[in-house]
């Protein structure tokens, strides 16, 4: 046995080991800046049409108009992942790598989840406890994603109300307040158009991955795997 085999898997560089998170994080920032620039130009164009003074880029990115455009997309993304995390506990799709194996429907046993007495030396510390910490940690991903959805949805409703009321005042109409905005078509139009697109994307990924492949991707089955193989990643 050589030295590398004795010491376990070789550690790569920080950038390689975290490249997926870093790449998407950097791409997110680039796209967010692009959205700010494009949104600023579009917003100022509308202000000019209305005969109002234009805003600087700094004023725009701290405005409710920019905030609602950002948060309405965030909340739909967190909703998608929250529903998917909780839904895949009980719902399955035969042949999809996005689904667990058909016989594993449910929360599974402590042995299968390596909890309590079945925790291993490298298991997270709370997984091996037998009190409230285990229960919280066993649901921590869903709880955090669900919490982020609630926070971003609340932020969208508040910033959307501010932007909507500002538009109402420009048109010499009365503001509607938070409760009125939650019952308005503007709020639900913004919300539902994002929800339906996220749900469609998840459904398409689940069913298309049954029959289609992407070599080397963990989101796909191995190229030669049978269409009926379930919960198998490439």
Protein backbone atom coordinates (compact mmCIF):
# COMPACT_ATOMS: atom_id res chain seq x y z
CA UNK A 1 0.00 0.00 0.00
CA UNK A 2 1.48 3.34 -0.99
CA UNK A 3 1.46 6.50 1.09
CA UNK A 4 -1.52 8.04 -0.72
CA UNK A 5 -3.64 4.92 -0.14
CA UNK A 6 -2.76 4.87 3.57
CA UNK A 7 -3.65 8.54 4.06
CA UNK A 8 -6.98 8.32 2.27
CA UNK A 9 -8.26 10.38 -0.67
CA UNK A 10 -5.92 13.13 -1.72
CA UNK A 11 -7.03 16.65 -0.86
CA UNK A 12 -7.21 19.03 -3.81
CA UNK A 13 -6.88 22.78 -3.79
CA UNK A 14 -9.52 24.96 -2.15
CA UNK A 15 -10.66 26.24 -5.55
CA UNK A 16 -11.05 22.78 -7.05
CA UNK A 17 -12.73 21.28 -3.99
CA UNK A 18 -15.27 24.13 -3.88
CA UNK A 19 -15.47 24.89 -7.60
CA UNK A 20 -19.18 24.13 -7.96
CA UNK A 21 -20.22 26.55 -5.20
CA UNK A 22 -17.67 29.18 -6.24
CA UNK A 23 -18.60 29.04 -9.93
CA UNK A 24 -22.31 29.45 -9.28
CA UNK A 25 -21.69 32.09 -6.59
CA UNK A 26 -19.55 34.19 -8.93
CA UNK A 27 -22.02 33.71 -11.78
CA UNK A 28 -24.81 34.84 -9.44
CA UNK A 29 -22.97 38.07 -8.62
CA UNK A 30 -22.24 38.77 -12.28
CA UNK A 31 -25.86 38.23 -13.26
CA UNK A 32 -27.09 40.32 -10.31
CA UNK A 33 -24.89 43.22 -11.43
CA UNK A 34 -26.17 42.80 -14.98
CA UNK A 35 -29.75 42.84 -13.72
CA UNK A 36 -29.05 46.03 -11.77
CA UNK A 37 -27.60 47.79 -14.81
CA UNK A 38 -30.37 46.68 -17.18
CA UNK A 39 -33.10 47.35 -14.61
CA UNK A 40 -31.68 50.81 -13.89
CA UNK A 41 -31.79 51.73 -17.58
CA UNK A 42 -35.34 50.42 -17.98
CA UNK A 43 -36.54 52.15 -14.80
CA UNK A 44 -35.06 55.50 -15.81
CA UNK A 45 -36.66 55.13 -19.24
CA UNK A 46 -40.05 54.80 -17.55
CA UNK A 47 -39.33 57.79 -15.30
CA UNK A 48 -38.52 59.87 -18.37
CA UNK A 49 -41.82 58.88 -19.98
CA UNK A 50 -43.62 59.91 -16.77
CA UNK A 51 -41.77 63.23 -16.72
CA UNK A 52 -39.92 62.44 -13.48
CA UNK A 53 -36.30 62.86 -12.40
CA UNK A 54 -34.03 59.92 -13.14
CA UNK A 55 -32.27 57.92 -10.41
CA UNK A 56 -28.59 57.12 -10.09
CA UNK A 57 -27.54 53.48 -10.13
CA UNK A 58 -26.94 53.62 -6.38
CA UNK A 59 -30.42 55.01 -5.77
CA UNK A 60 -31.95 52.34 -7.98
CA UNK A 61 -30.26 49.33 -6.34
CA UNK A 62 -31.45 50.54 -2.92
CA UNK A 63 -34.99 51.12 -4.15
CA UNK A 64 -38.02 48.93 -3.57
CA UNK A 65 -38.40 48.43 -7.33
CA UNK A 66 -35.05 46.66 -7.59
CA UNK A 67 -35.57 44.77 -4.33
CA UNK A 68 -38.92 43.31 -5.37
CA UNK A 69 -37.54 42.15 -8.73
CA UNK A 70 -34.73 40.32 -6.92
CA UNK A 71 -36.71 38.82 -4.05
CA UNK A 72 -39.59 37.55 -6.17
CA UNK A 73 -37.12 35.29 -7.97
CA UNK A 74 -35.35 34.24 -4.78
CA UNK A 75 -38.54 33.14 -3.05
CA UNK A 76 -39.61 30.99 -6.00
CA UNK A 77 -36.22 29.25 -6.06
CA UNK A 78 -36.30 28.52 -2.34
CA UNK A 79 -39.89 27.31 -2.69
CA UNK A 80 -38.80 24.92 -5.44
CA UNK A 81 -36.05 23.37 -3.35
CA UNK A 82 -38.16 23.27 -0.18
CA UNK A 83 -40.95 21.39 -1.94
CA UNK A 84 -38.45 19.08 -3.63
CA UNK A 85 -36.61 18.29 -0.39
CA UNK A 86 -39.79 17.44 1.50
CA UNK A 87 -41.60 15.89 -1.48
CA UNK A 88 -38.85 13.41 -2.30
CA UNK A 89 -39.15 11.88 1.16
CA UNK A 90 -42.47 10.32 0.16
CA UNK A 91 -42.80 10.74 -3.62
CA UNK A 92 -40.81 8.70 -6.15
CA UNK A 93 -40.36 8.48 -9.91
CA UNK A 94 -39.43 5.09 -11.31
CA UNK A 95 -36.27 5.34 -13.39
CA UNK A 96 -35.21 8.84 -12.30
CA UNK A 97 -31.89 9.64 -10.57
CA UNK A 98 -33.74 12.55 -8.97
CA UNK A 99 -35.83 10.04 -6.99
CA UNK A 100 -34.85 7.72 -4.16
CA UNK A 101 -35.20 3.98 -4.74
CA UNK A 102 -38.83 2.86 -4.77
CA UNK A 103 -38.57 0.68 -1.65
CA UNK A 104 -37.12 3.54 0.42
CA UNK A 105 -40.26 5.70 0.52
CA UNK A 106 -40.54 7.52 3.85
CA UNK A 107 -38.05 8.75 6.43
CA UNK A 108 -36.14 5.42 6.51
CA UNK A 109 -34.72 3.65 9.55
CA UNK A 110 -32.04 4.95 11.92
CA UNK A 111 -29.68 2.30 10.52
CA UNK A 112 -30.20 3.48 6.94
CA UNK A 113 -29.77 7.12 7.98
CA UNK A 114 -26.80 6.39 10.30
CA UNK A 115 -28.44 8.05 13.28
CA UNK A 116 -28.22 7.44 17.02
CA UNK A 117 -26.53 4.12 17.80
CA UNK A 118 -25.86 3.65 14.09
CA UNK A 119 -23.82 6.86 13.69
CA UNK A 120 -20.27 6.36 12.47
CA UNK A 121 -17.11 8.12 13.74
CA UNK A 122 -17.25 10.60 10.86
CA UNK A 123 -20.99 11.31 11.23
CA UNK A 124 -22.00 14.88 12.22
CA UNK A 125 -22.06 15.11 16.03
CA UNK A 126 -25.78 15.84 16.32
CA UNK A 127 -26.63 12.77 14.20
CA UNK A 128 -25.38 10.55 17.02
CA UNK A 129 -27.42 12.20 19.78
CA UNK A 130 -30.78 10.90 21.03
CA UNK A 131 -32.48 14.14 22.03
CA UNK A 132 -34.00 17.17 20.29
CA UNK A 133 -30.73 17.91 18.51
CA UNK A 134 -31.03 14.78 16.41
CA UNK A 135 -34.60 15.66 15.41
CA UNK A 136 -33.60 19.17 14.41
CA UNK A 137 -30.49 18.12 12.52
CA UNK A 138 -32.39 15.33 10.73
CA UNK A 139 -34.64 18.04 9.22
CA UNK A 140 -32.19 20.93 9.12
CA UNK A 141 -31.90 21.22 5.32
CA UNK A 142 -35.65 21.40 4.81
CA UNK A 143 -36.11 23.75 7.76
CA UNK A 144 -33.45 26.18 6.54
CA UNK A 145 -34.69 26.12 2.93
CA UNK A 146 -38.27 26.59 4.12
CA UNK A 147 -37.17 29.44 6.38
CA UNK A 148 -35.33 31.12 3.50
CA UNK A 149 -38.49 30.83 1.40
CA UNK A 150 -40.62 32.46 4.10
CA UNK A 151 -38.08 35.26 4.58
CA UNK A 152 -37.70 35.96 0.87
CA UNK A 153 -41.48 35.75 0.32
CA UNK A 154 -42.00 38.25 3.16
CA UNK A 155 -39.31 40.52 1.73
CA UNK A 156 -40.96 40.33 -1.69
CA UNK A 157 -44.36 41.23 -0.25
CA UNK A 158 -42.96 44.22 1.67
CA UNK A 159 -40.78 45.59 -1.14
CA UNK A 160 -43.53 44.87 -3.66
CA UNK A 161 -45.99 46.84 -1.54
CA UNK A 162 -43.58 49.78 -1.37
CA UNK A 163 -43.02 49.75 -5.13
CA UNK A 164 -46.74 49.36 -5.81
CA UNK A 165 -47.72 52.19 -3.45
CA UNK A 166 -45.08 54.41 -5.01
CA UNK A 167 -46.63 53.74 -8.41
CA UNK A 168 -50.08 54.47 -6.97
CA UNK A 169 -48.89 57.86 -5.68
CA UNK A 170 -47.36 58.74 -9.07
CA UNK A 171 -50.78 58.14 -10.58
CA UNK A 172 -52.41 60.23 -7.83
CA UNK A 173 -54.12 57.19 -6.32
CA UNK A 174 -54.28 56.06 -2.70
CA UNK A 175 -51.67 53.55 -1.44
CA UNK A 176 -53.05 50.11 -0.54
CA UNK A 177 -50.83 49.03 2.37
CA UNK A 178 -49.45 45.54 3.02
CA UNK A 179 -52.76 43.73 3.47
CA UNK A 180 -54.21 45.34 0.37
CA UNK A 181 -51.15 44.46 -1.66
CA UNK A 182 -51.26 40.80 -0.60
CA UNK A 183 -54.79 40.66 -2.01
CA UNK A 184 -53.87 42.49 -5.21
CA UNK A 185 -53.48 40.92 -8.67
CA UNK A 186 -50.03 42.52 -8.96
CA UNK A 187 -48.66 40.49 -6.06
CA UNK A 188 -50.10 37.16 -7.18
CA UNK A 189 -49.18 37.75 -10.81
CA UNK A 190 -45.55 38.29 -9.77
CA UNK A 191 -45.66 35.30 -7.43
CA UNK A 192 -47.48 32.68 -9.50
CA UNK A 193 -45.59 33.33 -12.72
CA UNK A 194 -42.41 32.38 -10.87
CA UNK A 195 -43.90 29.40 -9.06
CA UNK A 196 -45.26 27.77 -12.20
CA UNK A 197 -41.93 28.03 -14.01
CA UNK A 198 -40.02 26.46 -11.10
CA UNK A 199 -42.49 23.59 -10.75
CA UNK A 200 -42.37 22.94 -14.49
CA UNK A 201 -38.56 22.85 -14.43
CA UNK A 202 -38.50 20.29 -11.59
CA UNK A 203 -41.10 18.07 -13.25
CA UNK A 204 -39.21 18.21 -16.56
CA UNK A 205 -35.89 17.33 -14.89
CA UNK A 206 -37.41 14.39 -13.02
CA UNK A 207 -39.03 12.77 -16.05
CA UNK A 208 -36.43 13.62 -18.71
CA UNK A 209 -33.64 12.14 -16.58
CA UNK A 210 -35.42 8.77 -16.83
CA UNK A 211 -34.69 8.55 -20.56
CA UNK A 212 -31.87 11.03 -21.26
CA UNK A 213 -28.26 11.06 -20.04
CA UNK A 214 -25.41 13.50 -19.41
CA UNK A 215 -22.11 11.71 -19.15
CA UNK A 216 -20.21 12.53 -15.96
CA UNK A 217 -23.03 14.46 -14.24
CA UNK A 218 -24.37 13.29 -10.86
CA UNK A 219 -27.76 14.62 -11.99
CA UNK A 220 -27.84 11.88 -14.64
CA UNK A 221 -27.72 8.11 -14.52
CA UNK A 222 -24.70 6.39 -16.07
CA UNK A 223 -25.05 6.44 -19.86
CA UNK A 224 -25.57 2.70 -20.01
CA UNK A 225 -27.99 2.43 -17.07
CA UNK A 226 -31.42 0.99 -17.79
CA UNK A 227 -34.34 3.40 -18.05
CA UNK A 228 -35.94 1.62 -15.08
CA UNK A 229 -32.90 2.15 -12.79
CA UNK A 230 -34.01 4.44 -9.98
CA UNK A 231 -31.90 6.56 -7.63
CA UNK A 232 -28.70 5.77 -9.55
CA UNK A 233 -26.30 8.65 -10.25
CA UNK A 234 -23.66 8.85 -12.97
